Amino acid sequence: MGTSETAVDTEIAISVRGLTKTYGSFEALRGIDLEVRRGEVLALLGPNGAGKTTAVEILEGYRKRDGGTVSVLGADPERRDRDLRAKMGIVLQECAVDPYLTVAEAVTQRAGLYPAPRSVGEVIELVGLAPKAKARVKTLSGGQQRRLDLGLALVGDPELIFLDEPTTGFDPSARREAWDVVRGLCAEGRTVVLTTHYMDEAQALADTVTVIAAGQVVASGPPDTLGGRDHGETTVRFILPSGTSLADLPLPGGVVPTARGEFVEFHIAEPTSVLHTLTAWALERGEVLGGLAVSRPSLEDIYLALTGEDLP
């Protein structure tokens, strides 16, 4: 029995139970629980001041906790063990790099801090900075500097990577490329803890999304099911055919359509049979339901409902 428990434990990269942190009378963390398996991406979401930065800093070993237990790659990060730190890569919102170094020099310098770093050229290629390898850091654009930050976090060949708003300043194409890098890291068995304000980023990358508000976990689960998202009401929206009124629509009792300009929309728990009836009705009349869209609550909708925060 002990052998099987140990085998299960090795699959857990991060385990947090009852984590608390106070600053004077302010409770920054009020007993949060987290668990991240190896090779997974955890996205931590929450309003500014919710406690997610404090939680991440405790996981990284930069801040002491007041209560609870924390295990990161099988060790307590509060002890600042050198072996543990060598297994972690960190991308902060702002990373201090000598602006007069070239990209290659900056990555080489960081590589020297680790016992078994990745190839400098490989890392520069991985983050898309090969054409800028000889450029000085001060000449890089904001997005290119974030790529360098990611490269500096990866050059130590970490098992666990903390990404704090990693694609800030990226254009859409660069963001997709960064996402591919993260997916590639996870395919290699590496674990990622991501903090982001981009809901599409969390949706695209996370195996688990955990929402923290007022120092507590208010929801946690896969992005597609977070907060009952998969059971939320479906919104059906389309352009009302010319010469047709809302009363003409073949909708079941209890479904109340609403006119919004030229569009009409209604909400229903299970849309399949209603859509079948509605589209058959339109075809019989020779009508087109222009702009027809069927959608469940988005991750952003759920996040706002859980936190009440207005996204930027």
Foldseek 3Di string as FASTA:
>chain_A
DVVVVVVVVQQWQKWWFQWWAADVPATQAGTETDIDGWLFEEEEEEDVSLNPVVVVCQQCLNDDTDDTAMAGSRDRSVVVDPVQNLQEFEQDPDDDFDQAAFLLRRLVVLLVVAPDWDDSCVLCVLLPNNVRRGPGNNPDDPQVNLSSSVSSRPRSVHQEYEEEQSRVPPDPVSLVSVLVSLNVSSVVRGYYYYYHLDQVSCLSGGQKYWYGGSNYTQWMGGQCCIPNQVQAWKKKKFFDWPPDDPVPAPDDPPWDWDDDDRMIMTIDRDCPVSVVRRVVVCVVVVHDRHPIDIDTDHSVNSNCVRHVDDRD
